Every structure is written in structure tokens, then in C-alpha cells.
Amino acid sequence: MLGKQGWHFLAHPDSLVTSVFKANYFSLGDFLEAVEGSNSSFVWRSILQSQIVLKHGCRWRVGNGAKIKVWHDPWFNDSDNFYVDSFIVPGCEDLLVKDLMDIEGRNWNFELLHGLFQQRDVAAISSIPISSFGREDIWIWHYAKKGLYIVKSANHVARAVLRDQRNFSTPVCWLKLWKLLISPKLKNFIWRTCRDLLPSRLRLNQRDLQVDQTCVLCGQEEDSVHALLKCPLAIDCWKLIGVDYSRIVYAEFRSWFFSLFQQSNSKCIAKFCAMAWSLWGSRNQLI
């Protein structure tokens, strides 16, 4: 039921209840970007517990594109990742989805899409229909046909999140990740990496997509651990920010990441997240 209140904050931003909570706890953004704060009420702390479930189930439905931030908001119809994967283009930091449409706002500007995004993102955007009536963008629950929040559906998502936490065997670290003061897009990237969902060359072959399995930099077999931790370029980059390569002995990214999580403060963890994101972006630019 707490999730239903969090959903109300998103779906009804102009209601009196939302206005009161927004003024006190998330005045500069929406509920998905809110943090607990130092003097939070018991009610707010309780509602905030539902945020992780909403992050896994809510996304924007594109209308006129005027409300949706291209790089930071969840707006793709993709259960694995609602966010844009491509790196932010300098000078386009504040881009809105409407800026990706043609002058009349009825079709995507495909020339612009190919200039800004990776192939995966271009395909995802191209598959999104544009409203011919100029309707406003709205928040929807991804796992319901009509887009409305359903408690039963949210419970399924919550159980999946709990399973992930148990699989990681470090739920405290996992919860700390969601509380980091970094962009939702970056949190989503780390979450996907920990679940081994990145489209590495090895993983693409496992999905029956016939691509070269070797790393474009060193020629070794490329999975996500290699791309982010064991490639010579990655090793040099981690050394630059003071991470001892001798500790990178894990077969899974999540095991290594959480081992650092338990020994580092939030500022360092944010730096580790940014480095992993940068390494993956550099790798994509070379393909």
C-alpha cells in the first residue's frame, strides 16, 4: 500500500498531498529522485521504502515529450532497462524527448537519433509511437496493460527485487547503492551490471547473436568482468583512482563491487560507479 502512495506522487503531481510532500522532501525533482533527509518523518521514511519497487516498474509514456529528460528519465519500453544507454553528448545535457522529434512533433528525427545514440537506443526510440494529438507525457506502471499501478503486480516486482538481494547475499550493500547520491541512470547501470545484463560480446553470443566474442582492445574473450575489470585499459583506469588490481580476483562483477562497498565510503563508491560507467561507454564507442 505504501507503493500506491509513492505512485500517487508520480501520477498526480498537482494534488494537494503530493504538493505537501514535494515541498518538504523532493522539491527539485520527483519521487524517484527523493532521498530520506536528516529530519524525515516516520510517514515519509515508510513511503520511501517503496521507491526501489517503483524504480523497477515505473516509466514515462511518451506523449509530446515535453516533460521527459532524455538522459536521466526512464522512458524506454524495455523491461531490462528503461533508460538510454548512450553517453551524454556535451552541450545536450538538458535535452528533452520533444527535441528528438521533427518540427511538427509527429515523427522522430532519425538523422539526429543516429548522431546522438548507440544502435540499441536508436532501435528502442524508433519503436516508440508518437502521439498525433500532442498528448502530455504520463507516468505508467510498465507491467499493467492500461499502465495503472496494481498492488498485485507491484508485489511480484517486490519479490523479484528481494530475490535479487538474496542472490547478492549482501542486501545491506544493495540498499546502500540505491541511497547513493548519483543519477538514477548510473544506479540502473550498476544494477544491470551486477545482474550480468550488460550486452557484452560473450552474452550476445549466448543469446544466439553471432558476433565476434573477443575484446576490441586486447583480443581476449569479452564478458562484462573482462570489459570493466580485467582488460588492460580497465586495469590502468582503476589504478588511476587508487583501486588495487590485485584485489580484482572475482569471477563476477557484483562480488568485486560489493567487496569494495563494504570497505569504502559513499563518496568512493560513487567514484567507482562513475569509472565503471565510463569504461563501458569507452568500450561502446570503439565498437
Protein backbone atom coordinates (compact mmCIF):
# COMPACT_ATOMS: atom_id res chain seq x y z
CA MET A 1 0.00 0.00 0.00
CA LEU A 2 2.93 2.33 0.59
CA GLY A 3 3.86 1.83 -3.04
CA LYS A 4 0.44 3.14 -4.01
CA GLN A 5 1.21 6.40 -2.22
CA GLY A 6 4.57 6.67 -3.99
CA TRP A 7 2.76 6.03 -7.26
CA HIS A 8 0.33 8.83 -6.39
CA PHE A 9 3.25 11.26 -6.09
CA LEU A 10 4.26 10.42 -9.67
CA ALA A 11 0.88 10.08 -11.34
CA HIS A 12 -0.74 13.08 -9.63
CA PRO A 13 1.98 15.73 -9.24
CA ASP A 14 -0.52 18.58 -8.77
CA SER A 15 -2.56 17.02 -5.96
CA LEU A 16 -2.54 18.62 -2.50
CA VAL A 17 -0.89 15.61 -0.85
CA THR A 18 1.87 15.49 -3.47
CA SER A 19 2.45 19.23 -3.15
CA VAL A 20 2.92 18.98 0.62
CA PHE A 21 5.42 16.11 0.44
CA LYS A 22 7.21 17.60 -2.57
CA ALA A 23 7.76 20.89 -0.76
CA ASN A 24 9.37 19.07 2.14
CA TYR A 25 11.24 16.16 0.57
CA PHE A 26 11.72 16.35 -3.22
CA SER A 27 11.30 19.95 -4.27
CA LEU A 28 13.92 19.73 -7.03
CA GLY A 29 12.77 16.51 -8.68
CA ASP A 30 10.21 13.71 -8.49
CA PHE A 31 9.64 10.88 -6.02
CA LEU A 32 12.08 8.54 -7.75
CA GLU A 33 14.91 11.03 -7.12
CA ALA A 34 13.96 11.72 -3.48
CA VAL A 35 16.27 10.91 -0.55
CA GLU A 36 15.47 10.37 3.10
CA GLY A 37 16.96 13.57 4.56
CA SER A 38 18.14 14.23 8.09
CA ASN A 39 14.81 15.19 9.72
CA SER A 40 12.40 12.93 7.90
CA SER A 41 9.08 11.94 9.44
CA PHE A 42 8.18 8.32 10.10
CA VAL A 43 5.49 8.51 7.39
CA TRP A 44 7.98 9.76 4.78
CA ARG A 45 10.58 7.13 5.67
CA SER A 46 7.90 4.45 5.34
CA ILE A 47 6.70 5.66 1.93
CA LEU A 48 10.29 5.96 0.72
CA GLN A 49 10.76 2.21 1.25
CA SER A 50 8.55 1.66 -1.80
CA GLN A 51 10.85 3.70 -4.03
CA ILE A 52 13.00 0.75 -5.08
CA VAL A 53 9.93 -1.14 -6.34
CA LEU A 54 8.64 1.86 -8.27
CA LYS A 55 12.06 2.33 -9.86
CA HIS A 56 11.80 -1.18 -11.27
CA GLY A 57 8.23 -0.82 -12.52
CA CYS A 58 7.51 2.82 -13.45
CA ARG A 59 8.42 4.64 -16.63
CA TRP A 60 7.20 7.50 -18.77
CA ARG A 61 4.79 7.00 -21.65
CA VAL A 62 5.85 9.41 -24.37
CA GLY A 63 3.27 11.96 -25.47
CA ASN A 64 4.58 15.32 -26.64
CA GLY A 65 7.95 14.68 -24.96
CA ALA A 66 7.96 17.99 -23.08
CA LYS A 67 8.42 16.54 -19.59
CA ILE A 68 10.89 13.72 -20.17
CA LYS A 69 14.64 14.23 -19.72
CA VAL A 70 16.36 12.14 -22.37
CA TRP A 71 19.44 11.09 -20.43
CA HIS A 72 18.08 10.78 -16.89
CA ASP A 73 14.47 9.55 -17.01
CA PRO A 74 13.09 6.03 -17.57
CA TRP A 75 11.14 6.14 -20.84
CA PHE A 76 12.06 3.06 -22.90
CA ASN A 77 9.61 0.18 -23.32
CA ASP A 78 12.27 -2.32 -22.30
CA SER A 79 11.83 -4.43 -19.16
CA ASP A 80 15.59 -4.94 -18.81
CA ASN A 81 16.41 -1.23 -18.94
CA PHE A 82 14.06 1.76 -19.15
CA TYR A 83 16.98 4.18 -19.63
CA VAL A 84 19.13 5.42 -22.51
CA ASP A 85 22.46 3.56 -22.61
CA SER A 86 24.43 6.08 -24.65
CA PHE A 87 26.81 8.61 -23.11
CA ILE A 88 25.57 12.16 -22.62
CA VAL A 89 26.68 14.33 -25.55
CA PRO A 90 28.39 17.57 -24.41
CA GLY A 91 26.09 20.52 -24.95
CA CYS A 92 22.99 18.30 -24.92
CA GLU A 93 22.79 17.68 -21.17
CA ASP A 94 19.29 19.16 -20.82
CA LEU A 95 17.81 17.51 -23.89
CA LEU A 96 14.11 16.65 -23.68
CA VAL A 97 12.40 13.90 -25.66
CA LYS A 98 10.48 16.52 -27.66
CA ASP A 99 13.84 17.74 -29.01
CA LEU A 100 14.28 14.36 -30.72
CA MET A 101 11.16 14.86 -32.82
CA ASP A 102 10.75 16.71 -36.09
CA ILE A 103 9.40 20.27 -36.22
CA GLU A 104 5.78 19.12 -36.31
CA GLY A 105 6.33 16.70 -33.42
CA ARG A 106 4.80 13.77 -35.28
CA ASN A 107 7.88 11.73 -36.21
CA TRP A 108 11.32 11.03 -34.79
CA ASN A 109 14.25 12.95 -36.24
CA PHE A 110 16.18 9.86 -37.32
CA GLU A 111 19.22 11.80 -38.51
CA LEU A 112 19.55 13.29 -35.03
CA LEU A 113 18.95 9.92 -33.34
CA HIS A 114 21.79 8.28 -35.27
CA GLY A 115 24.06 11.19 -34.40
CA LEU A 116 23.41 11.01 -30.65
CA PHE A 117 22.77 7.39 -29.72
CA GLN A 118 24.08 3.86 -29.96
CA GLN A 119 22.23 1.35 -32.11
CA ARG A 120 20.34 -0.17 -29.18
CA ASP A 121 18.97 3.23 -28.17
CA VAL A 122 18.06 4.21 -31.74
CA ALA A 123 16.09 0.98 -32.13
CA ALA A 124 14.33 1.46 -28.79
CA ILE A 125 13.37 5.07 -29.55
CA SER A 126 12.24 4.24 -33.09
CA SER A 127 9.81 1.65 -31.70
CA ILE A 128 8.04 4.23 -29.50
CA PRO A 129 4.90 5.63 -31.17
CA ILE A 130 4.43 9.42 -31.06
CA SER A 131 1.01 10.79 -30.17
CA SER A 132 -0.56 12.53 -33.14
CA PHE A 133 -2.77 14.54 -30.77
CA GLY A 134 0.04 16.13 -28.76
CA ARG A 135 -0.94 14.41 -25.51
CA GLU A 136 1.08 15.07 -22.40
CA ASP A 137 3.69 12.60 -21.17
CA ILE A 138 2.40 10.47 -18.29
CA TRP A 139 3.88 8.05 -15.79
CA ILE A 140 2.74 4.45 -16.25
CA TRP A 141 3.20 1.14 -14.48
CA HIS A 142 5.11 -0.89 -17.07
CA TYR A 143 3.66 -4.25 -16.05
CA ALA A 144 -0.02 -3.37 -16.49
CA LYS A 145 -1.79 -3.20 -19.87
CA LYS A 146 -3.52 0.07 -19.01
CA GLY A 147 -0.45 1.49 -17.29
CA LEU A 148 -2.13 1.88 -13.91
CA TYR A 149 -0.39 0.84 -10.70
CA ILE A 150 -1.68 -2.53 -9.48
CA VAL A 151 -0.77 -3.73 -5.98
CA LYS A 152 -0.65 -7.39 -7.04
CA SER A 153 1.73 -6.59 -9.90
CA ALA A 154 3.89 -4.44 -7.61
CA ASN A 155 4.12 -7.34 -5.18
CA HIS A 156 5.55 -9.52 -7.96
CA VAL A 157 8.18 -6.83 -8.68
CA ALA A 158 8.95 -6.52 -4.96
CA ARG A 159 9.51 -10.27 -4.68
CA ALA A 160 11.84 -10.17 -7.69
CA VAL A 161 13.83 -7.35 -6.04
CA LEU A 162 14.07 -9.37 -2.82
CA ARG A 163 15.28 -12.41 -4.78
CA ASP A 164 17.99 -10.27 -6.33
CA GLN A 165 19.06 -9.06 -2.91
CA ARG A 166 19.23 -12.62 -1.56
CA ASN A 167 21.20 -13.74 -4.61
CA PHE A 168 23.72 -10.99 -3.97
CA SER A 169 23.98 -12.17 -0.34
CA THR A 170 24.74 -8.55 0.61
CA PRO A 171 21.37 -6.80 0.95
CA VAL A 172 22.85 -4.04 3.10
CA CYS A 173 25.25 -3.07 0.32
CA TRP A 174 22.48 -3.33 -2.26
CA LEU A 175 20.30 -0.92 -0.31
CA LYS A 176 23.24 1.45 0.09
CA LEU A 177 23.59 1.56 -3.69
CA TRP A 178 20.04 2.87 -4.09
CA LYS A 179 20.72 5.57 -1.49
CA LEU A 180 23.86 6.88 -3.20
CA LEU A 181 23.70 10.49 -4.38
CA ILE A 182 24.25 9.60 -8.04
CA SER A 183 21.91 9.75 -11.03
CA PRO A 184 19.18 7.07 -11.36
CA LYS A 185 20.69 6.18 -14.72
CA LEU A 186 24.02 5.34 -13.09
CA LYS A 187 22.34 3.29 -10.36
CA ASN A 188 20.44 1.41 -13.04
CA PHE A 189 23.67 0.69 -14.92
CA ILE A 190 25.34 -0.77 -11.80
CA TRP A 191 22.24 -2.80 -11.02
CA ARG A 192 22.22 -4.24 -14.54
CA THR A 193 25.93 -4.96 -14.34
CA CYS A 194 25.54 -6.78 -11.04
CA ARG A 195 22.79 -8.90 -12.61
CA ASP A 196 25.05 -9.65 -15.61
CA LEU A 197 22.66 -7.97 -18.04
CA LEU A 198 25.19 -5.89 -19.99
CA PRO A 199 25.30 -6.86 -23.68
CA SER A 200 28.92 -8.00 -23.69
CA ARG A 201 30.10 -9.90 -26.75
CA LEU A 202 30.02 -13.21 -24.88
CA ARG A 203 26.49 -12.57 -23.62
CA LEU A 204 25.27 -11.60 -27.11
CA ASN A 205 26.56 -14.94 -28.42
CA GLN A 206 24.73 -16.72 -25.60
CA ARG A 207 21.57 -15.07 -26.94
CA ASP A 208 22.28 -16.55 -30.39
CA LEU A 209 23.57 -13.28 -31.87
CA GLN A 210 26.63 -14.22 -33.88
CA VAL A 211 29.26 -11.59 -33.11
CA ASP A 212 32.99 -11.71 -32.54
CA GLN A 213 33.50 -12.69 -28.87
CA THR A 214 36.88 -11.01 -28.49
CA CYS A 215 37.63 -7.67 -26.86
CA VAL A 216 38.28 -4.87 -29.37
CA LEU A 217 41.21 -3.65 -27.25
CA CYS A 218 43.15 -6.76 -26.32
CA GLY A 219 41.70 -9.70 -28.24
CA GLN A 220 40.70 -11.75 -25.19
CA GLU A 221 37.22 -13.20 -24.71
CA GLU A 222 34.93 -10.39 -23.59
CA ASP A 223 32.36 -10.73 -20.82
CA SER A 224 31.34 -7.88 -18.52
CA VAL A 225 34.05 -8.75 -15.97
CA HIS A 226 36.72 -8.50 -18.65
CA ALA A 227 35.35 -5.25 -20.11
CA LEU A 228 35.07 -3.49 -16.75
CA LEU A 229 37.82 -5.07 -14.64
CA LYS A 230 40.38 -7.21 -16.42
CA CYS A 231 41.04 -5.57 -19.79
CA PRO A 232 44.45 -3.77 -19.73
CA LEU A 233 42.69 -0.43 -20.26
CA ALA A 234 40.37 -1.12 -17.33
CA ILE A 235 43.26 -2.12 -15.09
CA ASP A 236 45.12 1.12 -15.83
CA CYS A 237 42.00 3.20 -15.20
CA TRP A 238 41.26 1.56 -11.85
CA LYS A 239 44.85 2.14 -10.78
CA LEU A 240 44.44 5.86 -11.55
CA ILE A 241 41.74 6.15 -8.89
CA GLY A 242 43.61 4.06 -6.36
CA VAL A 243 41.98 0.64 -6.74
CA ASP A 244 44.49 -2.15 -6.20
CA TYR A 245 44.33 -4.53 -9.17
CA SER A 246 45.50 -7.43 -7.03
CA ARG A 247 42.07 -7.36 -5.35
CA ILE A 248 40.27 -7.92 -8.66
CA VAL A 249 40.17 -11.71 -8.44
CA TYR A 250 36.44 -12.26 -8.69
CA ALA A 251 34.57 -14.13 -11.41
CA GLU A 252 31.57 -11.83 -11.09
CA PHE A 253 31.37 -8.03 -11.10
CA ARG A 254 28.88 -7.94 -8.23
CA SER A 255 31.18 -9.89 -5.89
CA TRP A 256 34.04 -7.47 -6.53
CA PHE A 257 31.83 -4.40 -6.36
CA PHE A 258 30.27 -5.34 -3.05
CA SER A 259 33.63 -6.26 -1.57
CA LEU A 260 34.68 -2.67 -2.22
CA PHE A 261 31.34 -1.41 -0.98
CA GLN A 262 31.96 -2.93 2.43
CA GLN A 263 35.33 -1.21 2.76
CA SER A 264 34.66 2.24 1.25
CA ASN A 265 32.59 5.33 1.97
CA SER A 266 29.75 6.64 -0.20
CA LYS A 267 31.96 9.18 -1.99
CA CYS A 268 34.39 6.48 -3.11
CA ILE A 269 31.56 4.17 -4.18
CA ALA A 270 30.12 6.94 -6.35
CA LYS A 271 33.57 7.29 -7.95
CA PHE A 272 33.71 3.52 -8.60
CA CYS A 273 30.27 3.66 -10.25
CA ALA A 274 31.34 6.55 -12.49
CA MET A 275 34.52 4.71 -13.51
CA ALA A 276 32.62 1.55 -14.45
CA TRP A 277 30.17 3.65 -16.46
CA SER A 278 32.99 5.45 -18.26
CA LEU A 279 34.75 2.19 -19.11
CA TRP A 280 31.60 0.74 -20.60
CA GLY A 281 30.96 3.91 -22.58
CA SER A 282 34.52 3.91 -23.94
CA ARG A 283 34.16 0.31 -24.95
CA ASN A 284 30.89 1.06 -26.82
CA GLN A 285 32.46 3.94 -28.72
CA LEU A 286 35.08 1.58 -30.13
CA ILE A 287 32.61 -0.96 -31.48
